Amino acid sequence: MIALLLALGAPAAAAPLPVQSRRAPAVEVWQVDQVRIPRNTPPRVLKALEPDHSLAAVKKRLATLGVPFTTGRVTFVPDRMPAELRKQVAELPEGEPFVIPERNWLSINVVVGRRLPADMVRLTPSLSAAAALQG
């Protein structure tokens, strides 16, 4: 599971992701299904999650282990992540969970959708419009 769990090292000791300044508008916005567990979750529990390759499997295992968690769907702006981490998430198989350490919890996420930000417009002129512009 959680390929990035290993990439981040021991998540309980990992620093929360820095909030990076918005130098330019976001190129993409992700919708993610998320499971949050307490940041102080014992390492043995995190190790037990490694073989899980879906949020359903993660939730089932957490429930079996008696670990409290919350779930939800959130909007996530990936350009606030460090570039290497963003690249690793983009290369994960569809539906594969990844972990992001946050201030008081660890969020286990799966990307379920990607879209352009509402304030960004893509213009693709039709052939007839392009021909009209040429004269």
N, C-alpha and C. Protein backbone atom coordinates (compact mmCIF):
# COMPACT_ATOMS: atom_id res chain seq x y z
N MET A 1 0.83 -1.18 0.00
CA MET A 1 0.00 0.00 0.00
C MET A 1 0.86 1.23 0.00
N ILE A 2 0.44 2.14 0.43
CA ILE A 2 0.99 3.42 0.80
C ILE A 2 2.46 3.54 0.43
N ALA A 3 2.71 3.55 -0.84
CA ALA A 3 4.08 3.62 -1.32
C ALA A 3 4.81 4.82 -0.73
N LEU A 4 4.12 5.93 -0.54
CA LEU A 4 4.79 7.12 -0.04
C LEU A 4 5.06 7.05 1.45
N LEU A 5 4.40 6.13 2.13
CA LEU A 5 4.71 5.93 3.54
C LEU A 5 6.19 5.62 3.67
N LEU A 6 6.68 4.78 2.80
CA LEU A 6 8.09 4.41 2.83
C LEU A 6 8.96 5.56 2.35
N ALA A 7 8.50 6.28 1.35
CA ALA A 7 9.29 7.38 0.81
C ALA A 7 9.45 8.51 1.82
N LEU A 8 8.46 8.68 2.68
CA LEU A 8 8.51 9.76 3.67
C LEU A 8 9.29 9.36 4.91
N GLY A 9 9.67 8.09 5.01
CA GLY A 9 10.30 7.61 6.23
C GLY A 9 9.22 7.34 7.25
N ALA A 10 9.57 7.34 8.50
CA ALA A 10 8.59 7.09 9.55
C ALA A 10 7.66 8.29 9.63
N PRO A 11 6.40 8.15 9.20
CA PRO A 11 5.49 9.29 9.14
C PRO A 11 5.27 9.97 10.47
N ALA A 12 5.28 9.23 11.54
CA ALA A 12 5.05 9.87 12.83
C ALA A 12 6.16 10.88 13.13
N ALA A 13 7.34 10.65 12.56
CA ALA A 13 8.46 11.55 12.80
C ALA A 13 8.61 12.58 11.67
N ALA A 14 7.92 12.35 10.55
CA ALA A 14 8.06 13.25 9.41
C ALA A 14 7.39 14.59 9.71
N ALA A 15 7.99 15.63 9.23
CA ALA A 15 7.42 16.96 9.42
C ALA A 15 6.21 17.11 8.50
N PRO A 16 5.21 17.90 8.93
CA PRO A 16 4.09 18.17 8.03
C PRO A 16 4.60 18.83 6.76
N LEU A 17 3.85 18.62 5.68
CA LEU A 17 4.25 19.25 4.43
C LEU A 17 4.24 20.76 4.58
N PRO A 18 5.25 21.42 4.06
CA PRO A 18 5.25 22.88 4.14
C PRO A 18 4.18 23.45 3.22
N VAL A 19 3.57 24.53 3.66
CA VAL A 19 2.63 25.22 2.78
C VAL A 19 3.47 26.11 1.90
N GLN A 20 3.51 25.77 0.62
CA GLN A 20 4.34 26.53 -0.30
C GLN A 20 3.55 27.72 -0.83
N SER A 21 4.24 28.80 -1.06
CA SER A 21 3.56 29.99 -1.56
C SER A 21 3.01 29.73 -2.95
N ARG A 22 1.96 30.41 -3.28
CA ARG A 22 1.33 30.26 -4.58
C ARG A 22 1.96 31.28 -5.53
N ARG A 23 3.00 30.86 -6.22
CA ARG A 23 3.67 31.76 -7.17
C ARG A 23 2.83 31.97 -8.41
N ALA A 24 2.10 30.95 -8.79
CA ALA A 24 1.27 31.00 -9.99
C ALA A 24 0.00 30.22 -9.69
N PRO A 25 -1.04 30.42 -10.50
CA PRO A 25 -2.26 29.64 -10.26
C PRO A 25 -1.99 28.15 -10.36
N ALA A 26 -2.76 27.38 -9.61
CA ALA A 26 -2.62 25.92 -9.65
C ALA A 26 -2.87 25.43 -11.07
N VAL A 27 -2.07 24.47 -11.49
CA VAL A 27 -2.24 23.88 -12.80
C VAL A 27 -3.34 22.83 -12.76
N GLU A 28 -3.50 22.19 -11.62
CA GLU A 28 -4.48 21.12 -11.49
C GLU A 28 -4.96 21.06 -10.05
N VAL A 29 -6.19 20.63 -9.87
CA VAL A 29 -6.77 20.41 -8.55
C VAL A 29 -7.19 18.96 -8.49
N TRP A 30 -6.88 18.29 -7.39
CA TRP A 30 -7.25 16.89 -7.23
C TRP A 30 -8.39 16.77 -6.23
N GLN A 31 -9.30 15.86 -6.50
CA GLN A 31 -10.28 15.42 -5.52
C GLN A 31 -9.70 14.14 -4.93
N VAL A 32 -9.62 14.05 -3.61
CA VAL A 32 -9.09 12.85 -2.98
C VAL A 32 -10.06 12.34 -1.92
N ASP A 33 -10.22 11.02 -1.90
CA ASP A 33 -10.88 10.37 -0.77
C ASP A 33 -9.80 10.20 0.27
N GLN A 34 -10.18 10.46 1.53
CA GLN A 34 -9.16 10.55 2.57
C GLN A 34 -9.61 9.83 3.83
N VAL A 35 -8.67 9.16 4.46
CA VAL A 35 -8.83 8.59 5.79
C VAL A 35 -7.80 9.28 6.67
N ARG A 36 -8.23 9.81 7.81
CA ARG A 36 -7.30 10.47 8.73
C ARG A 36 -7.19 9.65 10.01
N ILE A 37 -5.95 9.47 10.44
CA ILE A 37 -5.68 8.77 11.70
C ILE A 37 -4.81 9.68 12.56
N PRO A 38 -4.84 9.49 13.88
CA PRO A 38 -4.02 10.34 14.74
C PRO A 38 -2.54 10.25 14.37
N ARG A 39 -1.88 11.36 14.46
CA ARG A 39 -0.45 11.43 14.12
C ARG A 39 0.39 10.51 15.01
N ASN A 40 -0.08 10.28 16.24
CA ASN A 40 0.69 9.45 17.16
C ASN A 40 0.32 7.96 17.06
N THR A 41 -0.27 7.56 15.95
CA THR A 41 -0.59 6.14 15.74
C THR A 41 0.71 5.33 15.82
N PRO A 42 0.70 4.22 16.57
CA PRO A 42 1.93 3.44 16.74
C PRO A 42 2.50 2.93 15.41
N PRO A 43 3.81 2.89 15.31
CA PRO A 43 4.46 2.41 14.08
C PRO A 43 4.02 1.01 13.67
N ARG A 44 3.70 0.14 14.63
CA ARG A 44 3.26 -1.22 14.29
C ARG A 44 1.96 -1.18 13.48
N VAL A 45 1.09 -0.20 13.75
CA VAL A 45 -0.16 -0.06 13.00
C VAL A 45 0.15 0.39 11.58
N LEU A 46 1.04 1.35 11.45
CA LEU A 46 1.41 1.84 10.12
C LEU A 46 2.04 0.72 9.30
N LYS A 47 2.87 -0.08 9.93
CA LYS A 47 3.49 -1.22 9.25
C LYS A 47 2.42 -2.21 8.79
N ALA A 48 1.39 -2.40 9.60
CA ALA A 48 0.30 -3.33 9.25
C ALA A 48 -0.48 -2.85 8.02
N LEU A 49 -0.45 -1.56 7.74
CA LEU A 49 -1.18 -1.01 6.59
C LEU A 49 -0.45 -1.18 5.27
N GLU A 50 0.84 -1.46 5.31
CA GLU A 50 1.64 -1.51 4.08
C GLU A 50 1.09 -2.43 2.99
N PRO A 51 0.54 -3.61 3.31
CA PRO A 51 0.04 -4.47 2.23
C PRO A 51 -1.29 -4.01 1.63
N ASP A 52 -1.91 -3.00 2.19
CA ASP A 52 -3.23 -2.57 1.71
C ASP A 52 -3.10 -1.66 0.49
N HIS A 53 -3.90 -1.97 -0.54
CA HIS A 53 -3.80 -1.23 -1.80
C HIS A 53 -5.08 -0.49 -2.15
N SER A 54 -5.94 -0.24 -1.17
CA SER A 54 -7.15 0.55 -1.38
C SER A 54 -7.57 1.17 -0.06
N LEU A 55 -8.36 2.23 -0.13
CA LEU A 55 -8.85 2.83 1.10
C LEU A 55 -9.80 1.89 1.83
N ALA A 56 -10.55 1.09 1.08
CA ALA A 56 -11.45 0.12 1.73
C ALA A 56 -10.65 -0.85 2.60
N ALA A 57 -9.53 -1.33 2.08
CA ALA A 57 -8.68 -2.25 2.84
C ALA A 57 -8.07 -1.54 4.05
N VAL A 58 -7.67 -0.28 3.87
CA VAL A 58 -7.11 0.50 4.98
C VAL A 58 -8.15 0.65 6.08
N LYS A 59 -9.38 1.04 5.71
CA LYS A 59 -10.44 1.24 6.72
C LYS A 59 -10.76 -0.06 7.45
N LYS A 60 -10.81 -1.15 6.71
CA LYS A 60 -11.10 -2.45 7.32
C LYS A 60 -10.02 -2.81 8.34
N ARG A 61 -8.76 -2.63 7.96
CA ARG A 61 -7.66 -2.98 8.86
C ARG A 61 -7.65 -2.06 10.08
N LEU A 62 -7.87 -0.76 9.88
CA LEU A 62 -7.90 0.17 11.01
C LEU A 62 -9.01 -0.20 11.99
N ALA A 63 -10.18 -0.55 11.44
CA ALA A 63 -11.30 -0.95 12.31
C ALA A 63 -10.95 -2.21 13.09
N THR A 64 -10.33 -3.18 12.41
CA THR A 64 -9.93 -4.43 13.06
C THR A 64 -8.93 -4.17 14.18
N LEU A 65 -8.03 -3.21 13.97
CA LEU A 65 -7.01 -2.88 14.97
C LEU A 65 -7.51 -1.92 16.04
N GLY A 66 -8.74 -1.42 15.88
CA GLY A 66 -9.30 -0.49 16.86
C GLY A 66 -8.73 0.91 16.80
N VAL A 67 -8.23 1.30 15.64
CA VAL A 67 -7.64 2.63 15.47
C VAL A 67 -8.75 3.60 15.03
N PRO A 68 -8.95 4.69 15.77
CA PRO A 68 -9.98 5.66 15.36
C PRO A 68 -9.57 6.36 14.06
N PHE A 69 -10.56 6.62 13.20
CA PHE A 69 -10.27 7.33 11.95
C PHE A 69 -11.51 8.07 11.50
N THR A 70 -11.29 9.05 10.65
CA THR A 70 -12.38 9.78 10.00
C THR A 70 -12.18 9.67 8.50
N THR A 71 -13.25 9.87 7.75
CA THR A 71 -13.16 9.79 6.29
C THR A 71 -13.81 11.02 5.68
N GLY A 72 -13.46 11.27 4.44
CA GLY A 72 -14.08 12.38 3.72
C GLY A 72 -13.47 12.52 2.34
N ARG A 73 -14.05 13.42 1.58
CA ARG A 73 -13.52 13.77 0.27
C ARG A 73 -13.11 15.23 0.35
N VAL A 74 -11.89 15.50 -0.08
CA VAL A 74 -11.36 16.86 0.00
C VAL A 74 -10.77 17.28 -1.34
N THR A 75 -10.66 18.58 -1.51
CA THR A 75 -9.97 19.15 -2.67
C THR A 75 -8.53 19.40 -2.26
N PHE A 76 -7.63 19.01 -3.11
CA PHE A 76 -6.20 19.04 -2.80
C PHE A 76 -5.48 19.76 -3.93
N VAL A 77 -4.64 20.72 -3.60
CA VAL A 77 -3.87 21.45 -4.60
C VAL A 77 -2.45 20.88 -4.61
N PRO A 78 -2.13 20.03 -5.60
CA PRO A 78 -0.85 19.32 -5.57
C PRO A 78 0.37 20.20 -5.72
N ASP A 79 0.24 21.41 -6.30
CA ASP A 79 1.45 22.21 -6.44
C ASP A 79 1.89 22.83 -5.12
N ARG A 80 1.19 22.52 -4.03
CA ARG A 80 1.67 22.91 -2.70
C ARG A 80 2.55 21.82 -2.10
N MET A 81 2.66 20.69 -2.79
CA MET A 81 3.52 19.58 -2.35
C MET A 81 4.92 19.77 -2.92
N PRO A 82 5.93 19.25 -2.26
CA PRO A 82 7.25 19.26 -2.88
C PRO A 82 7.20 18.51 -4.22
N ALA A 83 7.96 18.99 -5.18
CA ALA A 83 7.92 18.45 -6.55
C ALA A 83 8.15 16.94 -6.60
N GLU A 84 9.11 16.44 -5.84
CA GLU A 84 9.41 15.01 -5.88
C GLU A 84 8.24 14.18 -5.35
N LEU A 85 7.61 14.65 -4.31
CA LEU A 85 6.45 13.96 -3.75
C LEU A 85 5.29 13.96 -4.74
N ARG A 86 5.06 15.10 -5.37
CA ARG A 86 3.99 15.22 -6.38
C ARG A 86 4.24 14.24 -7.52
N LYS A 87 5.49 14.10 -7.94
CA LYS A 87 5.84 13.18 -9.02
C LYS A 87 5.56 11.74 -8.59
N GLN A 88 5.93 11.39 -7.36
CA GLN A 88 5.69 10.03 -6.87
C GLN A 88 4.20 9.70 -6.82
N VAL A 89 3.39 10.64 -6.38
CA VAL A 89 1.94 10.42 -6.33
C VAL A 89 1.39 10.23 -7.74
N ALA A 90 1.84 11.05 -8.68
CA ALA A 90 1.36 10.96 -10.06
C ALA A 90 1.70 9.61 -10.68
N GLU A 91 2.77 8.97 -10.24
CA GLU A 91 3.20 7.69 -10.80
C GLU A 91 2.56 6.48 -10.13
N LEU A 92 1.79 6.69 -9.05
CA LEU A 92 1.15 5.57 -8.37
C LEU A 92 0.08 4.94 -9.26
N PRO A 93 -0.14 3.63 -9.12
CA PRO A 93 -1.25 3.00 -9.84
C PRO A 93 -2.58 3.63 -9.39
N GLU A 94 -3.55 3.64 -10.26
CA GLU A 94 -4.86 4.20 -9.93
C GLU A 94 -5.42 3.51 -8.69
N GLY A 95 -5.89 4.33 -7.75
CA GLY A 95 -6.49 3.79 -6.54
C GLY A 95 -5.52 3.46 -5.42
N GLU A 96 -4.22 3.61 -5.67
CA GLU A 96 -3.21 3.30 -4.65
C GLU A 96 -3.15 4.41 -3.60
N PRO A 97 -3.29 4.07 -2.33
CA PRO A 97 -3.23 5.08 -1.27
C PRO A 97 -1.82 5.65 -1.08
N PHE A 98 -1.79 6.90 -0.64
CA PHE A 98 -0.53 7.53 -0.25
C PHE A 98 -0.76 8.32 1.03
N VAL A 99 0.30 8.51 1.78
CA VAL A 99 0.21 9.16 3.09
C VAL A 99 0.81 10.56 3.04
N ILE A 100 0.11 11.49 3.65
CA ILE A 100 0.63 12.85 3.81
C ILE A 100 0.61 13.16 5.31
N PRO A 101 1.76 13.44 5.91
CA PRO A 101 1.77 13.84 7.32
C PRO A 101 1.24 15.27 7.46
N GLU A 102 0.35 15.45 8.39
CA GLU A 102 -0.18 16.79 8.66
C GLU A 102 0.07 17.11 10.12
N ARG A 103 -0.36 18.26 10.57
CA ARG A 103 -0.03 18.73 11.92
C ARG A 103 -0.45 17.74 13.00
N ASN A 104 -1.71 17.33 13.04
CA ASN A 104 -2.21 16.47 14.12
C ASN A 104 -2.60 15.08 13.67
N TRP A 105 -2.46 14.79 12.40
CA TRP A 105 -2.88 13.50 11.90
C TRP A 105 -2.06 13.10 10.69
N LEU A 106 -2.26 11.86 10.28
CA LEU A 106 -1.73 11.37 9.01
C LEU A 106 -2.93 11.19 8.11
N SER A 107 -2.87 11.73 6.91
CA SER A 107 -3.98 11.51 5.98
C SER A 107 -3.54 10.48 4.95
N ILE A 108 -4.39 9.49 4.78
CA ILE A 108 -4.17 8.43 3.80
C ILE A 108 -5.15 8.73 2.68
N ASN A 109 -4.63 8.93 1.48
CA ASN A 109 -5.41 9.50 0.39
C ASN A 109 -5.39 8.64 -0.86
N VAL A 110 -6.44 8.77 -1.66
CA VAL A 110 -6.50 8.21 -3.00
C VAL A 110 -7.07 9.28 -3.91
N VAL A 111 -6.38 9.57 -5.00
CA VAL A 111 -6.87 10.56 -5.97
C VAL A 111 -8.04 9.93 -6.72
N VAL A 112 -9.20 10.62 -6.69
CA VAL A 112 -10.38 10.11 -7.38
C VAL A 112 -10.81 11.01 -8.54
N GLY A 113 -10.18 12.17 -8.66
CA GLY A 113 -10.50 13.07 -9.76
C GLY A 113 -9.48 14.18 -9.89
N ARG A 114 -9.35 14.67 -11.10
CA ARG A 114 -8.43 15.79 -11.38
C ARG A 114 -9.16 16.76 -12.28
N ARG A 115 -8.95 18.06 -12.03
CA ARG A 115 -9.59 19.07 -12.86
C ARG A 115 -8.75 20.34 -12.86
N LEU A 116 -9.07 21.20 -13.80
CA LEU A 116 -8.44 22.51 -13.83
C LEU A 116 -9.12 23.39 -12.78
N PRO A 117 -8.40 24.35 -12.22
CA PRO A 117 -9.04 25.27 -11.29
C PRO A 117 -10.14 26.06 -11.99
N ALA A 118 -11.13 26.48 -11.25
CA ALA A 118 -12.27 27.20 -11.82
C ALA A 118 -11.85 28.50 -12.52
N ASP A 119 -10.77 29.13 -12.04
CA ASP A 119 -10.35 30.41 -12.62
C ASP A 119 -9.44 30.25 -13.84
N MET A 120 -9.24 29.01 -14.28
CA MET A 120 -8.36 28.78 -15.42
C MET A 120 -9.20 28.32 -16.62
N VAL A 121 -8.98 28.92 -17.76
CA VAL A 121 -9.76 28.59 -18.95
C VAL A 121 -8.80 28.10 -20.03
N ARG A 122 -9.18 27.04 -20.70
CA ARG A 122 -8.41 26.55 -21.84
C ARG A 122 -9.13 26.98 -23.10
N LEU A 123 -8.41 27.58 -23.98
CA LEU A 123 -8.98 28.00 -25.25
C LEU A 123 -8.39 27.15 -26.36
N THR A 124 -9.26 26.51 -27.11
CA THR A 124 -8.84 25.73 -28.27
C THR A 124 -9.67 26.22 -29.44
N PRO A 125 -9.13 27.11 -30.25
CA PRO A 125 -9.94 27.65 -31.35
C PRO A 125 -10.29 26.55 -32.36
N SER A 126 -11.50 26.62 -32.85
CA SER A 126 -11.91 25.67 -33.88
C SER A 126 -11.20 26.02 -35.19
N LEU A 127 -11.21 25.10 -36.13
CA LEU A 127 -10.56 25.36 -37.42
C LEU A 127 -11.21 26.53 -38.13
N SER A 128 -12.54 26.63 -38.06
CA SER A 128 -13.22 27.73 -38.74
C SER A 128 -12.86 29.08 -38.10
N ALA A 129 -12.73 29.11 -36.77
CA ALA A 129 -12.36 30.35 -36.11
C ALA A 129 -10.93 30.72 -36.47
N ALA A 130 -10.04 29.72 -36.53
CA ALA A 130 -8.65 30.00 -36.89
C ALA A 130 -8.57 30.49 -38.32
N ALA A 131 -9.38 29.93 -39.22
CA ALA A 131 -9.38 30.36 -40.62
C ALA A 131 -9.89 31.78 -40.74
N ALA A 132 -10.91 32.12 -39.96
CA ALA A 132 -11.47 33.48 -39.99
C ALA A 132 -10.45 34.50 -39.53
N LEU A 133 -9.64 34.14 -38.55
CA LEU A 133 -8.62 35.05 -38.04
C LEU A 133 -7.53 35.29 -39.06
N GLN A 134 -7.28 34.29 -39.93
CA GLN A 134 -6.21 34.43 -40.92
C GLN A 134 -6.66 35.25 -42.11
N GLY A 135 -7.91 35.53 -42.23
CA GLY A 135 -8.31 36.44 -43.27
C GLY A 135 -9.22 35.86 -44.22
